[in-house]
Amino acid sequence: MEQKINLKQMVDRLLQGKKTSKIIFIIGIIGILLIFLSSVIPHKTNNSSATSTQETITSEEYTSNLETKLTELAEGINGVGKAKVMVTLENGIEYVYANSQKKSNDNTQDFDEGANKKSTDKNTLEQDVTVIDGKDGKQALVVTELEPTVKGVVVVCEGGGDIKVVENLTNAVTTALNISSTRVSVIQSATIS
């Protein structure tokens, strides 16, 4: 004869038992409710770094921003006066994308009766760029953005005829851009408007 016990009877029996079993039972019920609620309530995830659209700027915008900053820097140096700056780049902005790799090695060996052995190795490497859902659809996940390399800087300024001003300006530009002084040219202007 099979006895059927419903859930209410089981709860009543557990509640009539010892105090510790009541506490364990209540904690278990709360845990089950929390698990249920976590599966029902939608999660808010903070994947702003992964799903944010990468703000890509062009080399021209990068150069223009750099020239503006260098002009402000130059005009802040005593004796320079008004200045104009031109920056040339060796290369544009480069992006390093996240990717997954799959390597496989295949070794085949053939044996002849005359003890001749033939071995063939085949190595394959597959790389796939990681793609994420972005604001404008699917886009590659950028891991690193490499700034362009500065090829040269020309500064035309009112104080370019003074050797001390040229030295101070050259030191400022070479330090700011981490380039050699041979890549910086400071020239005195006739007039700058």
N, C-alpha and C. Protein backbone atom coordinates (compact mmCIF):
# COMPACT_ATOMS: atom_id res chain seq x y z
N MET A 1 0.83 -1.16 0.00
CA MET A 1 0.00 0.00 0.00
C MET A 1 0.89 1.24 0.00
N GLU A 2 0.61 2.06 -0.89
CA GLU A 2 1.43 3.24 -1.09
C GLU A 2 0.79 4.43 -0.40
N GLN A 3 1.64 5.18 0.35
CA GLN A 3 1.12 6.35 1.04
C GLN A 3 1.49 7.59 0.25
N LYS A 4 0.51 8.43 0.10
CA LYS A 4 0.76 9.69 -0.58
C LYS A 4 0.77 10.79 0.46
N ILE A 5 1.87 11.54 0.45
CA ILE A 5 2.00 12.65 1.38
C ILE A 5 2.09 13.91 0.54
N ASN A 6 1.22 14.85 0.79
CA ASN A 6 1.29 16.09 0.02
C ASN A 6 2.28 17.05 0.68
N LEU A 7 2.56 18.11 0.01
CA LEU A 7 3.56 19.07 0.45
C LEU A 7 3.17 19.72 1.76
N LYS A 8 1.90 20.01 1.94
CA LYS A 8 1.46 20.66 3.18
C LYS A 8 1.70 19.75 4.38
N GLN A 9 1.43 18.49 4.24
CA GLN A 9 1.66 17.56 5.35
C GLN A 9 3.16 17.45 5.67
N MET A 10 4.00 17.46 4.63
CA MET A 10 5.44 17.36 4.85
C MET A 10 5.94 18.61 5.60
N VAL A 11 5.45 19.77 5.22
CA VAL A 11 5.85 21.01 5.88
C VAL A 11 5.40 20.99 7.33
N ASP A 12 4.18 20.53 7.57
CA ASP A 12 3.67 20.47 8.95
C ASP A 12 4.52 19.54 9.80
N ARG A 13 4.93 18.41 9.27
CA ARG A 13 5.76 17.47 10.02
C ARG A 13 7.13 18.07 10.36
N LEU A 14 7.73 18.77 9.36
CA LEU A 14 9.03 19.37 9.60
C LEU A 14 8.95 20.49 10.63
N LEU A 15 7.87 21.24 10.60
CA LEU A 15 7.72 22.33 11.55
C LEU A 15 7.46 21.85 12.97
N GLN A 16 6.99 20.65 13.14
CA GLN A 16 6.75 20.09 14.46
C GLN A 16 8.02 19.51 15.07
N GLY A 17 9.09 19.36 14.26
CA GLY A 17 10.34 18.76 14.72
C GLY A 17 11.19 19.74 15.51
N LYS A 18 12.46 19.46 15.54
CA LYS A 18 13.39 20.27 16.30
C LYS A 18 13.54 21.67 15.71
N LYS A 19 14.06 22.57 16.52
CA LYS A 19 14.23 23.96 16.13
C LYS A 19 15.24 24.10 14.99
N THR A 20 16.37 23.37 15.01
CA THR A 20 17.37 23.48 13.95
C THR A 20 16.84 22.98 12.61
N SER A 21 16.03 21.95 12.63
CA SER A 21 15.48 21.47 11.36
C SER A 21 14.48 22.48 10.81
N LYS A 22 13.80 23.23 11.69
CA LYS A 22 12.90 24.28 11.22
C LYS A 22 13.71 25.39 10.52
N ILE A 23 14.83 25.76 11.12
CA ILE A 23 15.66 26.82 10.55
C ILE A 23 16.23 26.38 9.21
N ILE A 24 16.72 25.16 9.14
CA ILE A 24 17.28 24.64 7.89
C ILE A 24 16.21 24.59 6.80
N PHE A 25 15.01 24.20 7.18
CA PHE A 25 13.92 24.13 6.22
C PHE A 25 13.58 25.53 5.69
N ILE A 26 13.50 26.50 6.57
CA ILE A 26 13.16 27.86 6.17
C ILE A 26 14.26 28.43 5.26
N ILE A 27 15.52 28.19 5.61
CA ILE A 27 16.63 28.66 4.77
C ILE A 27 16.57 28.00 3.39
N GLY A 28 16.24 26.73 3.36
CA GLY A 28 16.12 26.01 2.08
C GLY A 28 15.02 26.60 1.22
N ILE A 29 13.87 26.90 1.82
CA ILE A 29 12.75 27.49 1.08
C ILE A 29 13.15 28.87 0.54
N ILE A 30 13.83 29.66 1.37
CA ILE A 30 14.28 30.98 0.92
C ILE A 30 15.27 30.85 -0.23
N GLY A 31 16.19 29.88 -0.14
CA GLY A 31 17.14 29.65 -1.22
C GLY A 31 16.46 29.28 -2.53
N ILE A 32 15.46 28.40 -2.43
CA ILE A 32 14.72 28.00 -3.64
C ILE A 32 13.99 29.20 -4.24
N LEU A 33 13.39 30.03 -3.39
CA LEU A 33 12.70 31.22 -3.88
C LEU A 33 13.67 32.19 -4.55
N LEU A 34 14.87 32.37 -3.97
CA LEU A 34 15.86 33.26 -4.58
C LEU A 34 16.33 32.74 -5.93
N ILE A 35 16.53 31.45 -6.03
CA ILE A 35 16.93 30.86 -7.32
C ILE A 35 15.83 31.06 -8.35
N PHE A 36 14.59 30.86 -7.94
CA PHE A 36 13.47 31.05 -8.85
C PHE A 36 13.37 32.51 -9.29
N LEU A 37 13.48 33.42 -8.34
CA LEU A 37 13.39 34.84 -8.67
C LEU A 37 14.53 35.29 -9.58
N SER A 38 15.73 34.75 -9.38
CA SER A 38 16.86 35.15 -10.21
C SER A 38 16.68 34.70 -11.66
N SER A 39 15.96 33.62 -11.86
CA SER A 39 15.74 33.17 -13.23
C SER A 39 14.59 33.92 -13.89
N VAL A 40 13.70 34.49 -13.12
CA VAL A 40 12.54 35.20 -13.66
C VAL A 40 12.86 36.66 -13.93
N ILE A 41 13.59 37.30 -13.01
CA ILE A 41 13.89 38.73 -13.14
C ILE A 41 15.04 38.90 -14.13
N PRO A 42 14.87 39.81 -15.12
CA PRO A 42 15.95 40.04 -16.09
C PRO A 42 17.14 40.70 -15.41
N HIS A 43 18.33 40.28 -15.85
CA HIS A 43 19.57 40.81 -15.28
C HIS A 43 20.00 42.05 -16.03
N LYS A 44 20.53 43.01 -15.30
CA LYS A 44 21.19 44.16 -15.92
C LYS A 44 22.67 43.90 -15.81
N THR A 45 23.31 43.77 -16.96
CA THR A 45 24.75 43.56 -16.94
C THR A 45 25.45 44.83 -17.37
N ASN A 46 26.60 45.04 -16.80
CA ASN A 46 27.38 46.22 -17.13
C ASN A 46 28.53 45.81 -18.05
N ASN A 47 28.21 45.66 -19.32
CA ASN A 47 29.22 45.30 -20.31
C ASN A 47 29.57 46.52 -21.15
N SER A 48 29.67 47.67 -20.49
CA SER A 48 29.91 48.89 -21.24
C SER A 48 31.22 48.84 -22.00
N SER A 49 32.24 48.17 -21.42
CA SER A 49 33.52 48.12 -22.13
C SER A 49 33.45 47.20 -23.34
N ALA A 50 32.67 46.14 -23.26
CA ALA A 50 32.62 45.19 -24.37
C ALA A 50 31.61 45.60 -25.43
N THR A 51 30.45 46.15 -25.01
CA THR A 51 29.41 46.43 -25.98
C THR A 51 29.37 47.88 -26.42
N SER A 52 30.15 48.73 -25.81
CA SER A 52 30.14 50.12 -26.23
C SER A 52 30.75 50.22 -27.62
N THR A 53 30.20 51.13 -28.38
CA THR A 53 30.75 51.29 -29.72
C THR A 53 32.08 51.99 -29.59
N GLN A 54 33.02 51.50 -30.33
CA GLN A 54 34.33 52.11 -30.27
C GLN A 54 34.29 53.42 -31.03
N GLU A 55 34.75 54.47 -30.37
CA GLU A 55 34.82 55.76 -31.04
C GLU A 55 36.08 55.77 -31.88
N THR A 56 35.88 55.69 -33.16
CA THR A 56 37.03 55.67 -34.04
C THR A 56 37.22 57.07 -34.61
N ILE A 57 38.45 57.52 -34.57
CA ILE A 57 38.77 58.80 -35.17
C ILE A 57 39.70 58.56 -36.34
N THR A 58 39.64 59.45 -37.27
CA THR A 58 40.49 59.31 -38.45
C THR A 58 41.87 59.88 -38.16
N SER A 59 42.80 59.59 -39.01
CA SER A 59 44.16 60.13 -38.87
C SER A 59 44.15 61.65 -38.98
N GLU A 60 43.27 62.18 -39.83
CA GLU A 60 43.17 63.63 -39.99
C GLU A 60 42.69 64.28 -38.69
N GLU A 61 41.70 63.66 -38.04
CA GLU A 61 41.20 64.20 -36.77
C GLU A 61 42.29 64.10 -35.69
N TYR A 62 43.00 63.01 -35.69
CA TYR A 62 44.09 62.84 -34.73
C TYR A 62 45.15 63.91 -34.94
N THR A 63 45.54 64.15 -36.18
CA THR A 63 46.54 65.15 -36.51
C THR A 63 46.06 66.54 -36.11
N SER A 64 44.81 66.85 -36.42
CA SER A 64 44.25 68.15 -36.10
C SER A 64 44.23 68.39 -34.59
N ASN A 65 43.81 67.38 -33.83
CA ASN A 65 43.80 67.50 -32.36
C ASN A 65 45.22 67.70 -31.82
N LEU A 66 46.16 66.96 -32.37
CA LEU A 66 47.55 67.07 -31.93
C LEU A 66 48.12 68.44 -32.25
N GLU A 67 47.82 68.95 -33.45
CA GLU A 67 48.29 70.28 -33.82
C GLU A 67 47.72 71.36 -32.91
N THR A 68 46.44 71.24 -32.56
CA THR A 68 45.81 72.20 -31.65
C THR A 68 46.48 72.19 -30.29
N LYS A 69 46.71 70.99 -29.75
CA LYS A 69 47.36 70.88 -28.44
C LYS A 69 48.77 71.43 -28.47
N LEU A 70 49.52 71.14 -29.54
CA LEU A 70 50.89 71.63 -29.64
C LEU A 70 50.94 73.15 -29.83
N THR A 71 49.96 73.71 -30.54
CA THR A 71 49.89 75.16 -30.70
C THR A 71 49.66 75.83 -29.34
N GLU A 72 48.74 75.27 -28.56
CA GLU A 72 48.50 75.82 -27.22
C GLU A 72 49.75 75.70 -26.35
N LEU A 73 50.43 74.57 -26.45
CA LEU A 73 51.66 74.35 -25.69
C LEU A 73 52.73 75.36 -26.11
N ALA A 74 52.91 75.54 -27.40
CA ALA A 74 53.95 76.44 -27.91
C ALA A 74 53.67 77.88 -27.50
N GLU A 75 52.42 78.32 -27.63
CA GLU A 75 52.09 79.70 -27.30
C GLU A 75 52.17 79.96 -25.80
N GLY A 76 52.21 78.92 -25.00
CA GLY A 76 52.36 79.08 -23.56
C GLY A 76 53.81 79.25 -23.12
N ILE A 77 54.74 79.03 -24.02
CA ILE A 77 56.17 79.16 -23.70
C ILE A 77 56.59 80.62 -23.87
N ASN A 78 57.31 81.12 -22.91
CA ASN A 78 57.75 82.52 -22.91
C ASN A 78 58.60 82.83 -24.14
N GLY A 79 58.21 83.87 -24.86
CA GLY A 79 58.98 84.33 -26.01
C GLY A 79 58.54 83.76 -27.35
N VAL A 80 57.66 82.78 -27.36
CA VAL A 80 57.24 82.16 -28.62
C VAL A 80 56.30 83.07 -29.39
N GLY A 81 55.35 83.70 -28.71
CA GLY A 81 54.35 84.53 -29.39
C GLY A 81 53.32 83.65 -30.08
N LYS A 82 52.75 84.16 -31.16
CA LYS A 82 51.76 83.37 -31.91
C LYS A 82 52.48 82.28 -32.69
N ALA A 83 51.82 81.12 -32.78
CA ALA A 83 52.46 79.99 -33.45
C ALA A 83 51.46 79.20 -34.27
N LYS A 84 51.99 78.52 -35.27
CA LYS A 84 51.23 77.54 -36.06
C LYS A 84 52.05 76.27 -36.06
N VAL A 85 51.36 75.14 -35.96
CA VAL A 85 52.04 73.85 -35.88
C VAL A 85 51.49 72.94 -36.97
N MET A 86 52.41 72.22 -37.61
CA MET A 86 52.03 71.19 -38.59
C MET A 86 52.67 69.87 -38.16
N VAL A 87 51.85 68.82 -38.12
CA VAL A 87 52.32 67.49 -37.72
C VAL A 87 52.12 66.54 -38.90
N THR A 88 53.14 65.75 -39.19
CA THR A 88 52.99 64.69 -40.19
C THR A 88 53.17 63.34 -39.50
N LEU A 89 52.44 62.34 -40.00
CA LEU A 89 52.44 61.01 -39.39
C LEU A 89 53.08 60.00 -40.32
N GLU A 90 53.73 59.01 -39.74
CA GLU A 90 54.29 57.90 -40.53
C GLU A 90 53.21 56.91 -40.92
N ASN A 91 52.27 56.70 -40.02
CA ASN A 91 51.19 55.74 -40.27
C ASN A 91 49.93 56.23 -39.57
N GLY A 92 48.82 55.61 -39.87
CA GLY A 92 47.56 55.98 -39.24
C GLY A 92 47.35 55.24 -37.93
N ILE A 93 46.17 55.42 -37.37
CA ILE A 93 45.80 54.73 -36.14
C ILE A 93 45.61 53.25 -36.47
N GLU A 94 46.17 52.40 -35.63
CA GLU A 94 46.05 50.95 -35.84
C GLU A 94 45.26 50.35 -34.69
N TYR A 95 44.42 49.37 -35.01
CA TYR A 95 43.61 48.70 -34.00
C TYR A 95 44.02 47.25 -33.90
N VAL A 96 44.12 46.76 -32.68
CA VAL A 96 44.39 45.34 -32.43
C VAL A 96 43.07 44.74 -31.98
N TYR A 97 42.62 43.73 -32.71
CA TYR A 97 41.31 43.12 -32.45
C TYR A 97 41.45 41.83 -31.66
N ALA A 98 40.44 41.54 -30.84
CA ALA A 98 40.40 40.28 -30.11
C ALA A 98 40.13 39.16 -31.11
N ASN A 99 40.84 38.05 -30.94
CA ASN A 99 40.60 36.93 -31.83
C ASN A 99 40.75 35.62 -31.07
N SER A 100 40.20 34.60 -31.65
CA SER A 100 40.34 33.26 -31.08
C SER A 100 41.16 32.43 -32.06
N GLN A 101 41.97 31.55 -31.50
CA GLN A 101 42.84 30.72 -32.33
C GLN A 101 42.52 29.26 -32.11
N LYS A 102 42.63 28.51 -33.18
CA LYS A 102 42.45 27.06 -33.12
C LYS A 102 43.62 26.43 -33.85
N LYS A 103 44.44 25.69 -33.08
CA LYS A 103 45.60 25.03 -33.67
C LYS A 103 45.33 23.53 -33.74
N SER A 104 45.81 22.93 -34.83
CA SER A 104 45.71 21.47 -34.92
C SER A 104 46.95 20.92 -35.61
N ASN A 105 47.38 19.79 -35.15
CA ASN A 105 48.53 19.09 -35.71
C ASN A 105 48.09 17.72 -36.17
N ASP A 106 48.51 17.33 -37.36
CA ASP A 106 48.17 16.03 -37.91
C ASP A 106 49.45 15.37 -38.38
N ASN A 107 49.75 14.20 -37.83
CA ASN A 107 50.97 13.47 -38.19
C ASN A 107 50.55 12.13 -38.78
N THR A 108 50.97 11.87 -40.01
CA THR A 108 50.66 10.62 -40.68
C THR A 108 51.97 9.88 -40.96
N GLN A 109 52.00 8.60 -40.62
CA GLN A 109 53.19 7.79 -40.86
C GLN A 109 52.81 6.57 -41.69
N ASP A 110 53.58 6.33 -42.76
CA ASP A 110 53.38 5.17 -43.62
C ASP A 110 54.61 4.27 -43.49
N PHE A 111 54.36 2.98 -43.33
CA PHE A 111 55.45 2.01 -43.22
C PHE A 111 55.39 1.08 -44.42
N ASP A 112 56.54 0.87 -45.04
CA ASP A 112 56.66 -0.10 -46.12
C ASP A 112 57.26 -1.39 -45.54
N GLU A 113 57.12 -2.46 -46.31
CA GLU A 113 57.68 -3.73 -45.85
C GLU A 113 59.20 -3.68 -45.83
N GLY A 114 59.80 -2.90 -46.63
CA GLY A 114 61.26 -2.81 -46.70
C GLY A 114 61.82 -1.86 -45.65
N ALA A 115 61.09 -1.55 -44.61
CA ALA A 115 61.50 -0.69 -43.50
C ALA A 115 61.64 0.78 -43.91
N ASN A 116 61.06 1.13 -45.04
CA ASN A 116 61.03 2.55 -45.42
C ASN A 116 59.88 3.22 -44.67
N LYS A 117 60.16 4.36 -44.12
CA LYS A 117 59.17 5.06 -43.31
C LYS A 117 58.93 6.44 -43.92
N LYS A 118 57.67 6.79 -44.09
CA LYS A 118 57.31 8.09 -44.63
C LYS A 118 56.44 8.78 -43.59
N SER A 119 56.85 9.97 -43.20
CA SER A 119 56.12 10.71 -42.18
C SER A 119 55.69 12.06 -42.75
N THR A 120 54.45 12.42 -42.52
CA THR A 120 53.91 13.69 -43.00
C THR A 120 53.30 14.43 -41.81
N ASP A 121 53.72 15.68 -41.63
CA ASP A 121 53.17 16.53 -40.58
C ASP A 121 52.36 17.65 -41.23
N LYS A 122 51.20 17.89 -40.67
CA LYS A 122 50.35 18.97 -41.17
C LYS A 122 49.91 19.81 -39.98
N ASN A 123 50.30 21.07 -39.97
CA ASN A 123 49.92 21.99 -38.90
C ASN A 123 48.99 23.04 -39.47
N THR A 124 47.88 23.27 -38.80
CA THR A 124 46.95 24.31 -39.24
C THR A 124 46.68 25.27 -38.08
N LEU A 125 46.47 26.51 -38.42
CA LEU A 125 46.16 27.54 -37.45
C LEU A 125 45.01 28.36 -38.01
N GLU A 126 43.91 28.39 -37.28
CA GLU A 126 42.75 29.18 -37.69
C GLU A 126 42.58 30.33 -36.71
N GLN A 127 42.39 31.52 -37.23
CA GLN A 127 42.15 32.69 -36.38
C GLN A 127 40.85 33.34 -36.79
N ASP A 128 40.00 33.61 -35.82
CA ASP A 128 38.74 34.28 -36.06
C ASP A 128 38.68 35.53 -35.20
N VAL A 129 38.28 36.64 -35.79
CA VAL A 129 38.14 37.89 -35.05
C VAL A 129 36.86 37.82 -34.23
N THR A 130 36.95 38.23 -32.96
CA THR A 130 35.79 38.23 -32.07
C THR A 130 34.87 39.39 -32.45
N VAL A 131 33.60 39.08 -32.65
CA VAL A 131 32.62 40.07 -33.07
C VAL A 131 31.59 40.23 -31.97
N ILE A 132 31.18 41.49 -31.72
CA ILE A 132 30.17 41.77 -30.70
C ILE A 132 29.03 42.56 -31.33
N ASP A 133 27.90 42.60 -30.63
CA ASP A 133 26.78 43.41 -31.07
C ASP A 133 27.03 44.83 -30.61
N GLY A 134 27.06 45.74 -31.55
CA GLY A 134 27.30 47.15 -31.24
C GLY A 134 26.09 47.97 -31.58
N LYS A 135 26.23 49.26 -31.42
CA LYS A 135 25.15 50.20 -31.69
C LYS A 135 24.74 50.15 -33.16
N ASP A 136 25.72 50.00 -34.04
CA ASP A 136 25.47 49.99 -35.48
C ASP A 136 25.51 48.58 -36.06
N GLY A 137 25.18 47.58 -35.27
CA GLY A 137 25.22 46.20 -35.74
C GLY A 137 26.45 45.48 -35.22
N LYS A 138 26.84 44.44 -35.90
CA LYS A 138 28.00 43.65 -35.48
C LYS A 138 29.28 44.40 -35.80
N GLN A 139 30.25 44.34 -34.86
CA GLN A 139 31.54 44.95 -35.08
C GLN A 139 32.61 44.19 -34.32
N ALA A 140 33.84 44.30 -34.81
CA ALA A 140 34.96 43.59 -34.19
C ALA A 140 35.28 44.22 -32.84
N LEU A 141 35.67 43.37 -31.89
CA LEU A 141 36.02 43.82 -30.54
C LEU A 141 37.46 44.32 -30.54
N VAL A 142 37.63 45.61 -30.27
CA VAL A 142 38.96 46.23 -30.25
C VAL A 142 39.58 46.01 -28.88
N VAL A 143 40.78 45.44 -28.85
CA VAL A 143 41.51 45.22 -27.61
C VAL A 143 42.39 46.42 -27.30
N THR A 144 43.10 46.91 -28.30
CA THR A 144 44.03 48.01 -28.12
C THR A 144 43.99 48.93 -29.33
N GLU A 145 44.16 50.21 -29.07
CA GLU A 145 44.28 51.18 -30.13
C GLU A 145 45.70 51.74 -30.08
N LEU A 146 46.43 51.58 -31.17
CA LEU A 146 47.80 52.06 -31.24
C LEU A 146 47.83 53.42 -31.92
N GLU A 147 48.39 54.40 -31.21
CA GLU A 147 48.47 55.74 -31.78
C GLU A 147 49.46 55.76 -32.94
N PRO A 148 49.23 56.67 -33.88
CA PRO A 148 50.15 56.78 -35.01
C PRO A 148 51.53 57.26 -34.55
N THR A 149 52.53 56.96 -35.36
CA THR A 149 53.88 57.43 -35.09
C THR A 149 54.07 58.78 -35.78
N VAL A 150 54.56 59.74 -35.01
CA VAL A 150 54.78 61.08 -35.56
C VAL A 150 56.05 61.07 -36.40
N LYS A 151 55.93 61.53 -37.63
CA LYS A 151 57.07 61.58 -38.55
C LYS A 151 57.85 62.88 -38.35
N GLY A 152 57.14 63.99 -38.15
CA GLY A 152 57.82 65.26 -37.98
C GLY A 152 56.87 66.36 -37.54
N VAL A 153 57.44 67.42 -36.95
CA VAL A 153 56.67 68.56 -36.48
C VAL A 153 57.37 69.83 -36.95
N VAL A 154 56.60 70.74 -37.53
CA VAL A 154 57.11 72.04 -37.92
C VAL A 154 56.34 73.08 -37.12
N VAL A 155 57.09 73.97 -36.45
CA VAL A 155 56.48 75.05 -35.68
C VAL A 155 56.95 76.37 -36.28
N VAL A 156 56.00 77.17 -36.72
CA VAL A 156 56.30 78.50 -37.23
C VAL A 156 55.78 79.48 -36.18
N CYS A 157 56.71 80.29 -35.63
CA CYS A 157 56.31 81.19 -34.55
C CYS A 157 57.06 82.51 -34.63
N GLU A 158 56.51 83.51 -33.93
CA GLU A 158 57.12 84.84 -33.93
C GLU A 158 58.49 84.84 -33.27
N GLY A 159 58.69 84.02 -32.24
CA GLY A 159 59.95 84.00 -31.51
C GLY A 159 60.95 82.99 -32.02
N GLY A 160 60.74 82.47 -33.23
CA GLY A 160 61.61 81.45 -33.79
C GLY A 160 63.01 81.91 -34.11
N GLY A 161 63.30 83.22 -34.02
CA GLY A 161 64.64 83.72 -34.30
C GLY A 161 65.54 83.69 -33.07
N ASP A 162 64.97 83.50 -31.91
CA ASP A 162 65.74 83.48 -30.66
C ASP A 162 66.15 82.03 -30.36
N ILE A 163 67.47 81.81 -30.21
CA ILE A 163 67.99 80.45 -30.00
C ILE A 163 67.42 79.81 -28.74
N LYS A 164 67.27 80.57 -27.66
CA LYS A 164 66.73 80.03 -26.40
C LYS A 164 65.27 79.60 -26.57
N VAL A 165 64.49 80.39 -27.31
CA VAL A 165 63.08 80.04 -27.58
C VAL A 165 63.02 78.77 -28.41
N VAL A 166 63.87 78.67 -29.44
CA VAL A 166 63.90 77.47 -30.29
C VAL A 166 64.26 76.25 -29.45
N GLU A 167 65.24 76.40 -28.55
CA GLU A 167 65.65 75.28 -27.70
C GLU A 167 64.52 74.85 -26.75
N ASN A 168 63.88 75.82 -26.11
CA ASN A 168 62.78 75.51 -25.19
C ASN A 168 61.61 74.87 -25.92
N LEU A 169 61.28 75.39 -27.08
CA LEU A 169 60.16 74.86 -27.87
C LEU A 169 60.47 73.45 -28.37
N THR A 170 61.69 73.23 -28.85
CA THR A 170 62.10 71.91 -29.32
C THR A 170 62.05 70.90 -28.18
N ASN A 171 62.55 71.27 -27.00
CA ASN A 171 62.49 70.38 -25.83
C ASN A 171 61.06 70.04 -25.45
N ALA A 172 60.19 71.04 -25.50
CA ALA A 172 58.78 70.81 -25.13
C ALA A 172 58.11 69.83 -26.10
N VAL A 173 58.33 70.03 -27.39
CA VAL A 173 57.70 69.17 -28.40
C VAL A 173 58.26 67.76 -28.34
N THR A 174 59.58 67.63 -28.22
CA THR A 174 60.19 66.29 -28.18
C THR A 174 59.74 65.52 -26.93
N THR A 175 59.59 66.23 -25.82
CA THR A 175 59.13 65.57 -24.60
C THR A 175 57.66 65.18 -24.71
N ALA A 176 56.84 66.07 -25.23
CA ALA A 176 55.40 65.80 -25.34
C ALA A 176 55.10 64.63 -26.27
N LEU A 177 55.86 64.50 -27.34
CA LEU A 177 55.58 63.46 -28.34
C LEU A 177 56.53 62.28 -28.28
N ASN A 178 57.54 62.35 -27.42
CA ASN A 178 58.54 61.30 -27.31
C ASN A 178 59.21 61.00 -28.66
N ILE A 179 59.67 62.08 -29.29
CA ILE A 179 60.38 61.96 -30.56
C ILE A 179 61.74 62.63 -30.43
N SER A 180 62.61 62.39 -31.40
CA SER A 180 63.94 63.00 -31.34
C SER A 180 63.87 64.44 -31.84
N SER A 181 64.87 65.22 -31.48
CA SER A 181 64.90 66.63 -31.87
C SER A 181 65.12 66.80 -33.37
N THR A 182 65.63 65.78 -34.04
CA THR A 182 65.81 65.85 -35.49
C THR A 182 64.48 65.84 -36.24
N ARG A 183 63.41 65.50 -35.55
CA ARG A 183 62.09 65.47 -36.17
C ARG A 183 61.31 66.76 -35.92
N VAL A 184 61.94 67.72 -35.26
CA VAL A 184 61.27 68.99 -34.94
C VAL A 184 62.00 70.13 -35.63
N SER A 185 61.24 71.00 -36.29
CA SER A 185 61.81 72.18 -36.94
C SER A 185 61.06 73.40 -36.44
N VAL A 186 61.79 74.38 -35.91
CA VAL A 186 61.20 75.62 -35.43
C VAL A 186 61.70 76.75 -36.33
N ILE A 187 60.76 77.49 -36.87
CA ILE A 187 61.09 78.55 -37.84
C ILE A 187 60.43 79.85 -37.41
N GLN A 188 61.15 80.97 -37.58
CA GLN A 188 60.58 82.28 -37.26
C GLN A 188 59.63 82.70 -38.37
N SER A 189 58.50 83.24 -37.98
CA SER A 189 57.52 83.68 -38.97
C SER A 189 57.68 85.15 -39.25
N ALA A 190 57.26 85.54 -40.44
CA ALA A 190 57.23 86.97 -40.78
C ALA A 190 56.05 87.58 -40.03
N THR A 191 54.89 87.04 -40.24
CA THR A 191 53.69 87.45 -39.50
C THR A 191 52.75 86.26 -39.46
N ILE A 192 52.06 86.11 -38.36
CA ILE A 192 51.07 85.03 -38.23
C ILE A 192 49.73 85.69 -37.98
N SER A 193 48.76 85.28 -38.77
CA SER A 193 47.43 85.86 -38.59
C SER A 193 46.50 84.87 -37.95
